[in-house]
Amino acid sequence: MEKPGKVEILFDKFGCQGAFVAIQAILALYTGGRTTGIVLDSGDGVSHAVDEGYVIHHVISPLEYAGRALTDYLLALLTERGYYFTSTGNVLLRIIVDIGIKAEIEIVRDIKEKLCFISKDFVADMRACAKSPTSYDRTYELPDGQVLTVRSVRFRCPEVLFRPSFLNLDGPGLQVI
């Protein structure tokens, strides 16, 4: 449902006296008691920057990738390593993804949110991980009790925000917008 329809429901069904619709990043500035600053709002489907309380559309272009693209990329990276997820709880079956958000995607999203991090120096971390792989090990317990160990995917996944070419996308990374 589009925003005008949602606002209409507020007035007609719930009798609201007023409504205010705004971009989350602008509200983040206001929450911090500021009207100026730069905020990066990277949600599930889009990332955009806000400067001085406004989204300047002709200057700042939103990136059409964000959290969902990272989750999908992490799923691909884990699949490359031989991990498969199903809602049946058996990790060594097949991936089932159809309409809607499935438990498998939620598991991968949870792994992303709990274990992934943005590397300060991606190339250095890749080298360090190659030299001492276990130093990057983190574990995640799956709902069926099995334990998943992840290494370089922890920082390779969010690197797509800065290197969209990892997703076969053209265009700038977050550091450019």
N, C-alpha and C. Protein backbone atom coordinates (compact mmCIF):
# COMPACT_ATOMS: atom_id res chain seq x y z
N MET A 1 0.84 -1.17 0.00
CA MET A 1 0.00 0.00 0.00
C MET A 1 0.90 1.24 0.00
N GLU A 2 0.55 2.19 -0.82
CA GLU A 2 1.32 3.43 -0.93
C GLU A 2 1.04 4.34 0.27
N LYS A 3 1.94 5.28 0.52
CA LYS A 3 1.81 6.18 1.66
C LYS A 3 0.50 6.95 1.68
N PRO A 4 0.04 7.52 0.53
CA PRO A 4 -1.23 8.24 0.59
C PRO A 4 -2.38 7.35 1.08
N GLY A 5 -2.39 6.09 0.68
CA GLY A 5 -3.44 5.17 1.13
C GLY A 5 -3.35 4.89 2.62
N LYS A 6 -2.15 4.77 3.13
CA LYS A 6 -1.94 4.52 4.55
C LYS A 6 -2.40 5.73 5.37
N VAL A 7 -2.05 6.91 4.91
CA VAL A 7 -2.44 8.13 5.62
C VAL A 7 -3.96 8.28 5.59
N GLU A 8 -4.57 7.95 4.47
CA GLU A 8 -6.02 8.02 4.35
C GLU A 8 -6.70 7.12 5.38
N ILE A 9 -6.15 5.93 5.59
CA ILE A 9 -6.69 5.02 6.59
C ILE A 9 -6.59 5.63 7.99
N LEU A 10 -5.46 6.30 8.27
CA LEU A 10 -5.29 6.94 9.57
C LEU A 10 -6.41 7.95 9.83
N PHE A 11 -6.74 8.75 8.81
CA PHE A 11 -7.77 9.77 8.98
C PHE A 11 -9.16 9.16 9.01
N ASP A 12 -9.46 8.31 8.02
CA ASP A 12 -10.83 7.80 7.87
C ASP A 12 -11.20 6.73 8.89
N LYS A 13 -10.32 5.79 9.12
CA LYS A 13 -10.65 4.66 9.99
C LYS A 13 -10.36 4.94 11.46
N PHE A 14 -9.25 5.62 11.73
CA PHE A 14 -8.85 5.82 13.12
C PHE A 14 -9.10 7.23 13.63
N GLY A 15 -9.56 8.12 12.77
CA GLY A 15 -9.90 9.47 13.20
C GLY A 15 -8.73 10.32 13.64
N CYS A 16 -7.56 10.09 13.09
CA CYS A 16 -6.38 10.89 13.43
C CYS A 16 -6.59 12.34 13.00
N GLN A 17 -6.06 13.25 13.79
CA GLN A 17 -6.19 14.67 13.49
C GLN A 17 -5.09 15.16 12.54
N GLY A 18 -3.98 14.44 12.49
CA GLY A 18 -2.88 14.85 11.63
C GLY A 18 -1.89 13.72 11.45
N ALA A 19 -1.06 13.86 10.44
CA ALA A 19 -0.04 12.85 10.17
C ALA A 19 1.17 13.53 9.55
N PHE A 20 2.32 12.96 9.81
CA PHE A 20 3.56 13.49 9.27
C PHE A 20 4.35 12.33 8.68
N VAL A 21 4.68 12.42 7.41
CA VAL A 21 5.45 11.38 6.73
C VAL A 21 6.80 11.98 6.37
N ALA A 22 7.88 11.30 6.77
CA ALA A 22 9.22 11.82 6.50
C ALA A 22 10.19 10.68 6.24
N ILE A 23 11.31 11.04 5.72
CA ILE A 23 12.38 10.08 5.47
C ILE A 23 13.07 9.78 6.79
N GLN A 24 13.32 8.50 7.06
CA GLN A 24 13.90 8.08 8.33
C GLN A 24 15.22 8.78 8.65
N ALA A 25 16.06 8.96 7.67
CA ALA A 25 17.37 9.57 7.92
C ALA A 25 17.23 11.01 8.42
N ILE A 26 16.25 11.73 7.91
CA ILE A 26 16.02 13.10 8.39
C ILE A 26 15.55 13.07 9.84
N LEU A 27 14.68 12.13 10.15
CA LEU A 27 14.21 12.00 11.53
C LEU A 27 15.35 11.61 12.46
N ALA A 28 16.32 10.85 11.96
CA ALA A 28 17.49 10.49 12.77
C ALA A 28 18.27 11.73 13.17
N LEU A 29 18.39 12.68 12.25
CA LEU A 29 19.05 13.95 12.59
C LEU A 29 18.29 14.66 13.71
N TYR A 30 16.98 14.76 13.53
CA TYR A 30 16.15 15.46 14.52
C TYR A 30 16.22 14.77 15.88
N THR A 31 16.24 13.44 15.89
CA THR A 31 16.32 12.69 17.14
C THR A 31 17.59 13.03 17.89
N GLY A 32 18.66 13.24 17.15
CA GLY A 32 19.93 13.62 17.77
C GLY A 32 20.01 15.09 18.11
N GLY A 33 18.89 15.81 17.96
CA GLY A 33 18.86 17.22 18.28
C GLY A 33 19.57 18.08 17.25
N ARG A 34 19.69 17.57 16.05
CA ARG A 34 20.40 18.30 15.00
C ARG A 34 19.50 18.54 13.80
N THR A 35 19.81 19.61 13.10
CA THR A 35 19.16 19.84 11.82
C THR A 35 20.17 19.78 10.69
N THR A 36 21.44 19.72 11.06
CA THR A 36 22.48 19.59 10.04
C THR A 36 23.33 18.36 10.33
N GLY A 37 23.88 17.81 9.29
CA GLY A 37 24.72 16.63 9.42
C GLY A 37 24.54 15.73 8.22
N ILE A 38 25.26 14.65 8.23
CA ILE A 38 25.13 13.67 7.16
C ILE A 38 24.72 12.34 7.79
N VAL A 39 23.66 11.75 7.26
CA VAL A 39 23.15 10.47 7.75
C VAL A 39 23.10 9.51 6.58
N LEU A 40 23.57 8.32 6.80
CA LEU A 40 23.43 7.26 5.81
C LEU A 40 22.34 6.34 6.30
N ASP A 41 21.29 6.21 5.52
CA ASP A 41 20.16 5.34 5.85
C ASP A 41 20.20 4.16 4.91
N SER A 42 20.61 3.02 5.42
CA SER A 42 20.68 1.81 4.60
C SER A 42 19.69 0.82 5.18
N GLY A 43 18.56 0.71 4.53
CA GLY A 43 17.52 -0.19 5.01
C GLY A 43 17.58 -1.54 4.34
N ASP A 44 16.42 -2.11 4.13
CA ASP A 44 16.34 -3.43 3.51
C ASP A 44 16.52 -3.35 2.00
N GLY A 45 15.98 -2.30 1.38
CA GLY A 45 15.98 -2.26 -0.07
C GLY A 45 16.75 -1.14 -0.73
N VAL A 46 17.05 -0.08 0.01
CA VAL A 46 17.72 1.06 -0.60
C VAL A 46 18.62 1.74 0.43
N SER A 47 19.69 2.36 -0.05
CA SER A 47 20.58 3.15 0.80
C SER A 47 20.63 4.56 0.24
N HIS A 48 20.48 5.57 1.10
CA HIS A 48 20.65 6.94 0.63
C HIS A 48 21.23 7.80 1.75
N ALA A 49 21.87 8.87 1.32
CA ALA A 49 22.48 9.79 2.27
C ALA A 49 21.63 11.05 2.36
N VAL A 50 21.61 11.64 3.54
CA VAL A 50 20.88 12.88 3.78
C VAL A 50 21.90 13.91 4.25
N ASP A 51 21.89 15.07 3.62
CA ASP A 51 22.82 16.13 3.98
C ASP A 51 22.03 17.36 4.42
N GLU A 52 22.36 17.87 5.57
CA GLU A 52 21.74 19.09 6.09
C GLU A 52 20.21 18.99 6.20
N GLY A 53 19.70 17.80 6.52
CA GLY A 53 18.27 17.65 6.75
C GLY A 53 17.43 17.44 5.52
N TYR A 54 18.03 17.33 4.35
CA TYR A 54 17.27 17.13 3.12
C TYR A 54 17.91 16.03 2.29
N VAL A 55 17.07 15.29 1.61
CA VAL A 55 17.58 14.39 0.59
C VAL A 55 17.68 15.23 -0.66
N ILE A 56 18.88 15.44 -1.14
CA ILE A 56 19.10 16.27 -2.32
C ILE A 56 19.15 15.33 -3.52
N HIS A 57 17.99 15.09 -4.12
CA HIS A 57 17.86 14.06 -5.15
C HIS A 57 18.74 14.32 -6.37
N HIS A 58 18.93 15.56 -6.74
CA HIS A 58 19.73 15.84 -7.94
C HIS A 58 21.23 15.72 -7.66
N VAL A 59 21.62 15.66 -6.40
CA VAL A 59 23.03 15.54 -6.03
C VAL A 59 23.35 14.15 -5.49
N ILE A 60 22.48 13.63 -4.65
CA ILE A 60 22.72 12.35 -3.99
C ILE A 60 21.76 11.32 -4.56
N SER A 61 22.30 10.32 -5.21
CA SER A 61 21.48 9.26 -5.78
C SER A 61 21.38 8.10 -4.80
N PRO A 62 20.17 7.58 -4.61
CA PRO A 62 20.06 6.42 -3.73
C PRO A 62 20.70 5.20 -4.40
N LEU A 63 21.23 4.32 -3.58
CA LEU A 63 21.77 3.07 -4.09
C LEU A 63 20.68 2.03 -3.99
N GLU A 64 20.49 1.31 -5.07
CA GLU A 64 19.41 0.33 -5.12
C GLU A 64 19.83 -1.01 -4.54
N TYR A 65 20.70 -0.99 -3.58
CA TYR A 65 21.04 -2.20 -2.85
C TYR A 65 21.28 -1.82 -1.40
N ALA A 66 20.92 -2.74 -0.53
CA ALA A 66 21.06 -2.48 0.90
C ALA A 66 21.02 -3.82 1.63
N GLY A 67 20.31 -3.86 2.75
CA GLY A 67 20.31 -5.03 3.61
C GLY A 67 19.88 -6.32 2.94
N ARG A 68 18.84 -6.28 2.13
CA ARG A 68 18.35 -7.49 1.46
C ARG A 68 19.39 -8.03 0.50
N ALA A 69 20.07 -7.14 -0.23
CA ALA A 69 21.11 -7.58 -1.17
C ALA A 69 22.27 -8.22 -0.41
N LEU A 70 22.60 -7.67 0.76
CA LEU A 70 23.66 -8.27 1.58
C LEU A 70 23.26 -9.64 2.08
N THR A 71 22.01 -9.79 2.50
CA THR A 71 21.53 -11.09 2.96
C THR A 71 21.61 -12.11 1.83
N ASP A 72 21.16 -11.72 0.64
CA ASP A 72 21.22 -12.62 -0.52
C ASP A 72 22.66 -12.97 -0.86
N TYR A 73 23.55 -12.00 -0.78
CA TYR A 73 24.96 -12.25 -1.07
C TYR A 73 25.58 -13.18 -0.02
N LEU A 74 25.24 -12.97 1.24
CA LEU A 74 25.73 -13.85 2.29
C LEU A 74 25.23 -15.27 2.07
N LEU A 75 23.98 -15.41 1.67
CA LEU A 75 23.44 -16.74 1.37
C LEU A 75 24.25 -17.39 0.26
N ALA A 76 24.59 -16.62 -0.78
CA ALA A 76 25.40 -17.16 -1.88
C ALA A 76 26.79 -17.56 -1.39
N LEU A 77 27.41 -16.72 -0.55
CA LEU A 77 28.75 -17.04 -0.02
C LEU A 77 28.72 -18.30 0.83
N LEU A 78 27.69 -18.43 1.66
CA LEU A 78 27.58 -19.62 2.51
C LEU A 78 27.30 -20.87 1.68
N THR A 79 26.51 -20.71 0.64
CA THR A 79 26.21 -21.84 -0.25
C THR A 79 27.48 -22.30 -0.96
N GLU A 80 28.32 -21.33 -1.38
CA GLU A 80 29.62 -21.67 -1.99
C GLU A 80 30.45 -22.53 -1.05
N ARG A 81 30.34 -22.28 0.24
CA ARG A 81 31.11 -23.03 1.23
C ARG A 81 30.46 -24.36 1.59
N GLY A 82 29.30 -24.65 0.99
CA GLY A 82 28.66 -25.94 1.22
C GLY A 82 27.58 -25.94 2.28
N TYR A 83 27.17 -24.76 2.74
CA TYR A 83 26.09 -24.69 3.72
C TYR A 83 24.78 -24.47 2.98
N TYR A 84 23.78 -25.25 3.35
CA TYR A 84 22.45 -25.13 2.76
C TYR A 84 21.44 -25.02 3.89
N PHE A 85 20.43 -24.22 3.68
CA PHE A 85 19.45 -23.96 4.72
C PHE A 85 18.07 -24.37 4.27
N THR A 86 17.32 -25.00 5.15
CA THR A 86 15.90 -25.27 4.92
C THR A 86 15.17 -25.07 6.23
N SER A 87 13.88 -24.81 6.13
CA SER A 87 13.10 -24.61 7.34
C SER A 87 12.81 -25.92 8.06
N THR A 88 13.20 -27.06 7.47
CA THR A 88 13.00 -28.34 8.14
C THR A 88 14.02 -28.55 9.23
N GLY A 89 15.07 -27.73 9.25
CA GLY A 89 16.08 -27.86 10.28
C GLY A 89 17.28 -28.67 9.83
N ASN A 90 17.21 -29.37 8.72
CA ASN A 90 18.36 -30.14 8.24
C ASN A 90 19.20 -29.25 7.35
N VAL A 91 20.42 -29.00 7.76
CA VAL A 91 21.30 -28.06 7.08
C VAL A 91 21.82 -28.58 5.74
N LEU A 92 21.84 -29.87 5.52
CA LEU A 92 22.43 -30.41 4.30
C LEU A 92 21.37 -30.82 3.29
N LEU A 93 20.32 -30.06 3.18
CA LEU A 93 19.32 -30.33 2.14
C LEU A 93 19.42 -29.29 1.04
N ARG A 94 18.30 -28.75 0.60
CA ARG A 94 18.32 -27.77 -0.49
C ARG A 94 17.76 -26.45 -0.01
N ILE A 95 18.04 -25.41 -0.77
CA ILE A 95 17.53 -24.09 -0.42
C ILE A 95 16.10 -23.97 -0.95
N ILE A 96 15.21 -23.53 -0.11
CA ILE A 96 13.84 -23.30 -0.54
C ILE A 96 13.55 -21.82 -0.33
N VAL A 97 13.42 -21.09 -1.41
CA VAL A 97 13.08 -19.68 -1.31
C VAL A 97 11.98 -19.41 -2.32
N ASP A 98 10.78 -19.07 -1.86
CA ASP A 98 9.73 -18.68 -2.78
C ASP A 98 9.10 -17.40 -2.26
N ILE A 99 7.87 -17.16 -2.60
CA ILE A 99 7.23 -15.89 -2.25
C ILE A 99 7.23 -15.69 -0.74
N GLY A 100 7.62 -14.49 -0.34
CA GLY A 100 7.66 -14.17 1.07
C GLY A 100 9.01 -14.45 1.70
N ILE A 101 9.13 -14.05 2.94
CA ILE A 101 10.38 -14.27 3.66
C ILE A 101 10.26 -15.60 4.38
N LYS A 102 11.17 -16.49 4.06
CA LYS A 102 11.18 -17.82 4.67
C LYS A 102 12.14 -17.85 5.85
N ALA A 103 12.02 -18.90 6.63
CA ALA A 103 12.89 -19.06 7.80
C ALA A 103 14.35 -19.08 7.40
N GLU A 104 14.66 -19.64 6.22
CA GLU A 104 16.05 -19.73 5.77
C GLU A 104 16.66 -18.34 5.63
N ILE A 105 15.91 -17.45 5.01
CA ILE A 105 16.40 -16.09 4.80
C ILE A 105 16.54 -15.38 6.14
N GLU A 106 15.63 -15.64 7.05
CA GLU A 106 15.71 -15.03 8.38
C GLU A 106 16.95 -15.51 9.13
N ILE A 107 17.30 -16.79 8.96
CA ILE A 107 18.50 -17.32 9.61
C ILE A 107 19.73 -16.61 9.05
N VAL A 108 19.80 -16.48 7.73
CA VAL A 108 20.94 -15.83 7.10
C VAL A 108 21.00 -14.36 7.50
N ARG A 109 19.84 -13.70 7.55
CA ARG A 109 19.80 -12.30 7.99
C ARG A 109 20.33 -12.17 9.42
N ASP A 110 19.95 -13.11 10.28
CA ASP A 110 20.42 -13.09 11.66
C ASP A 110 21.94 -13.30 11.73
N ILE A 111 22.46 -14.20 10.91
CA ILE A 111 23.91 -14.41 10.84
C ILE A 111 24.59 -13.11 10.43
N LYS A 112 24.02 -12.47 9.40
CA LYS A 112 24.59 -11.19 8.92
C LYS A 112 24.62 -10.15 10.03
N GLU A 113 23.51 -10.00 10.73
CA GLU A 113 23.42 -8.97 11.75
C GLU A 113 24.26 -9.25 12.98
N LYS A 114 24.47 -10.51 13.30
CA LYS A 114 25.22 -10.86 14.51
C LYS A 114 26.72 -11.05 14.27
N LEU A 115 27.11 -11.51 13.08
CA LEU A 115 28.51 -11.88 12.88
C LEU A 115 29.28 -11.03 11.86
N CYS A 116 28.59 -10.37 10.96
CA CYS A 116 29.30 -9.61 9.92
C CYS A 116 29.78 -8.26 10.44
N PHE A 117 30.83 -7.76 9.81
CA PHE A 117 31.36 -6.45 10.17
C PHE A 117 31.98 -5.81 8.94
N ILE A 118 32.08 -4.49 8.97
CA ILE A 118 32.72 -3.77 7.87
C ILE A 118 34.20 -3.67 8.18
N SER A 119 34.99 -4.16 7.26
CA SER A 119 36.44 -4.16 7.41
C SER A 119 36.99 -2.75 7.20
N LYS A 120 37.94 -2.35 8.04
CA LYS A 120 38.60 -1.06 7.84
C LYS A 120 39.58 -1.12 6.68
N ASP A 121 40.14 -2.31 6.44
CA ASP A 121 41.08 -2.53 5.33
C ASP A 121 40.81 -3.92 4.77
N PHE A 122 39.96 -3.98 3.75
CA PHE A 122 39.48 -5.24 3.20
C PHE A 122 40.63 -6.13 2.72
N VAL A 123 41.55 -5.56 1.96
CA VAL A 123 42.67 -6.34 1.41
C VAL A 123 43.53 -6.90 2.54
N ALA A 124 43.81 -6.09 3.54
CA ALA A 124 44.62 -6.55 4.68
C ALA A 124 43.90 -7.66 5.44
N ASP A 125 42.59 -7.52 5.62
CA ASP A 125 41.83 -8.58 6.31
C ASP A 125 41.80 -9.87 5.49
N MET A 126 41.70 -9.75 4.18
CA MET A 126 41.73 -10.96 3.34
C MET A 126 43.07 -11.67 3.49
N ARG A 127 44.16 -10.90 3.49
CA ARG A 127 45.50 -11.49 3.66
C ARG A 127 45.64 -12.13 5.05
N ALA A 128 45.22 -11.41 6.07
CA ALA A 128 45.33 -11.91 7.44
C ALA A 128 44.49 -13.17 7.63
N CYS A 129 43.32 -13.20 7.01
CA CYS A 129 42.45 -14.37 7.12
C CYS A 129 43.08 -15.57 6.41
N ALA A 130 43.77 -15.31 5.30
CA ALA A 130 44.46 -16.40 4.58
C ALA A 130 45.62 -16.96 5.41
N LYS A 131 46.32 -16.08 6.12
CA LYS A 131 47.47 -16.51 6.94
C LYS A 131 47.03 -17.20 8.23
N SER A 132 46.00 -16.68 8.85
CA SER A 132 45.54 -17.21 10.14
C SER A 132 44.02 -17.31 10.14
N PRO A 133 43.48 -18.27 9.38
CA PRO A 133 42.03 -18.34 9.18
C PRO A 133 41.22 -18.45 10.47
N THR A 134 41.70 -19.23 11.41
CA THR A 134 40.89 -19.45 12.62
C THR A 134 40.75 -18.20 13.49
N SER A 135 41.62 -17.22 13.29
CA SER A 135 41.49 -15.99 14.07
C SER A 135 40.23 -15.21 13.70
N TYR A 136 39.67 -15.50 12.53
CA TYR A 136 38.44 -14.84 12.08
C TYR A 136 37.20 -15.70 12.33
N ASP A 137 37.39 -16.90 12.86
CA ASP A 137 36.27 -17.81 13.09
C ASP A 137 35.27 -17.26 14.09
N ARG A 138 34.01 -17.36 13.73
CA ARG A 138 32.91 -17.11 14.65
C ARG A 138 31.89 -18.20 14.37
N THR A 139 31.15 -18.58 15.40
CA THR A 139 30.18 -19.66 15.24
C THR A 139 28.77 -19.13 15.40
N TYR A 140 27.85 -19.85 14.79
CA TYR A 140 26.43 -19.53 14.86
C TYR A 140 25.68 -20.84 15.03
N GLU A 141 24.86 -20.92 16.05
CA GLU A 141 24.08 -22.13 16.26
C GLU A 141 22.76 -22.04 15.50
N LEU A 142 22.54 -23.02 14.64
CA LEU A 142 21.32 -23.08 13.85
C LEU A 142 20.17 -23.59 14.71
N PRO A 143 18.93 -23.37 14.29
CA PRO A 143 17.78 -23.80 15.09
C PRO A 143 17.77 -25.30 15.41
N ASP A 144 18.38 -26.11 14.55
CA ASP A 144 18.40 -27.56 14.80
C ASP A 144 19.56 -27.98 15.70
N GLY A 145 20.34 -27.01 16.19
CA GLY A 145 21.44 -27.30 17.10
C GLY A 145 22.80 -27.44 16.43
N GLN A 146 22.81 -27.55 15.11
CA GLN A 146 24.10 -27.63 14.42
C GLN A 146 24.80 -26.28 14.50
N VAL A 147 26.12 -26.33 14.45
CA VAL A 147 26.92 -25.11 14.57
C VAL A 147 27.60 -24.81 13.25
N LEU A 148 27.45 -23.59 12.81
CA LEU A 148 28.02 -23.10 11.57
C LEU A 148 29.23 -22.24 11.94
N THR A 149 30.36 -22.44 11.26
CA THR A 149 31.54 -21.62 11.49
C THR A 149 31.78 -20.76 10.26
N VAL A 150 31.89 -19.46 10.47
CA VAL A 150 32.13 -18.54 9.35
C VAL A 150 33.43 -17.79 9.58
N ARG A 151 34.09 -17.44 8.47
CA ARG A 151 35.36 -16.71 8.54
C ARG A 151 35.27 -15.43 7.72
N SER A 152 35.89 -15.48 6.53
CA SER A 152 36.00 -14.27 5.71
C SER A 152 34.66 -13.75 5.24
N VAL A 153 33.63 -14.60 5.18
CA VAL A 153 32.32 -14.11 4.75
C VAL A 153 31.82 -13.03 5.69
N ARG A 154 32.34 -13.00 6.91
CA ARG A 154 31.93 -11.99 7.89
C ARG A 154 32.22 -10.58 7.41
N PHE A 155 33.32 -10.39 6.69
CA PHE A 155 33.62 -9.06 6.17
C PHE A 155 33.50 -8.98 4.66
N ARG A 156 33.48 -10.12 3.97
CA ARG A 156 33.27 -10.10 2.52
C ARG A 156 31.85 -9.67 2.18
N CYS A 157 30.89 -10.10 2.97
CA CYS A 157 29.49 -9.76 2.72
C CYS A 157 29.23 -8.25 2.72
N PRO A 158 29.54 -7.52 3.80
CA PRO A 158 29.25 -6.09 3.79
C PRO A 158 30.15 -5.27 2.86
N GLU A 159 31.23 -5.87 2.36
CA GLU A 159 32.12 -5.14 1.45
C GLU A 159 31.40 -4.75 0.16
N VAL A 160 30.29 -5.44 -0.16
CA VAL A 160 29.55 -5.09 -1.38
C VAL A 160 28.99 -3.68 -1.30
N LEU A 161 28.82 -3.14 -0.11
CA LEU A 161 28.36 -1.76 0.01
C LEU A 161 29.36 -0.78 -0.59
N PHE A 162 30.63 -1.17 -0.57
CA PHE A 162 31.70 -0.32 -1.09
C PHE A 162 32.20 -0.79 -2.45
N ARG A 163 31.91 -2.05 -2.78
CA ARG A 163 32.33 -2.64 -4.05
C ARG A 163 31.13 -3.34 -4.69
N PRO A 164 30.20 -2.58 -5.26
CA PRO A 164 29.01 -3.19 -5.85
C PRO A 164 29.32 -4.16 -6.98
N SER A 165 30.52 -4.10 -7.50
CA SER A 165 30.91 -5.05 -8.55
C SER A 165 30.87 -6.49 -8.04
N PHE A 166 30.97 -6.69 -6.72
CA PHE A 166 30.84 -8.03 -6.15
C PHE A 166 29.46 -8.62 -6.43
N LEU A 167 28.48 -7.74 -6.63
CA LEU A 167 27.12 -8.15 -6.97
C LEU A 167 26.85 -8.01 -8.46
N ASN A 168 27.92 -7.81 -9.23
CA ASN A 168 27.80 -7.56 -10.68
C ASN A 168 26.97 -6.32 -10.98
N LEU A 169 27.11 -5.31 -10.14
CA LEU A 169 26.41 -4.05 -10.34
C LEU A 169 27.41 -2.97 -10.74
N ASP A 170 26.97 -2.10 -11.62
CA ASP A 170 27.77 -0.93 -11.96
C ASP A 170 27.38 0.19 -11.01
N GLY A 171 28.25 1.12 -10.84
CA GLY A 171 27.90 2.27 -10.03
C GLY A 171 28.79 2.40 -8.82
N PRO A 172 28.59 3.50 -8.10
CA PRO A 172 29.46 3.82 -6.97
C PRO A 172 29.09 3.03 -5.72
N GLY A 173 30.02 2.96 -4.82
CA GLY A 173 29.76 2.39 -3.50
C GLY A 173 29.32 3.48 -2.55
N LEU A 174 29.04 3.11 -1.33
CA LEU A 174 28.58 4.09 -0.33
C LEU A 174 29.57 5.21 -0.10
N GLN A 175 30.86 4.91 -0.21
CA GLN A 175 31.87 5.93 0.04
C GLN A 175 31.80 7.07 -0.97
N VAL A 176 31.12 6.86 -2.09
CA VAL A 176 31.04 7.87 -3.13
C VAL A 176 29.78 8.72 -2.99
N ILE A 177 28.69 8.12 -2.55
CA ILE A 177 27.45 8.90 -2.48
C ILE A 177 27.52 9.91 -1.37
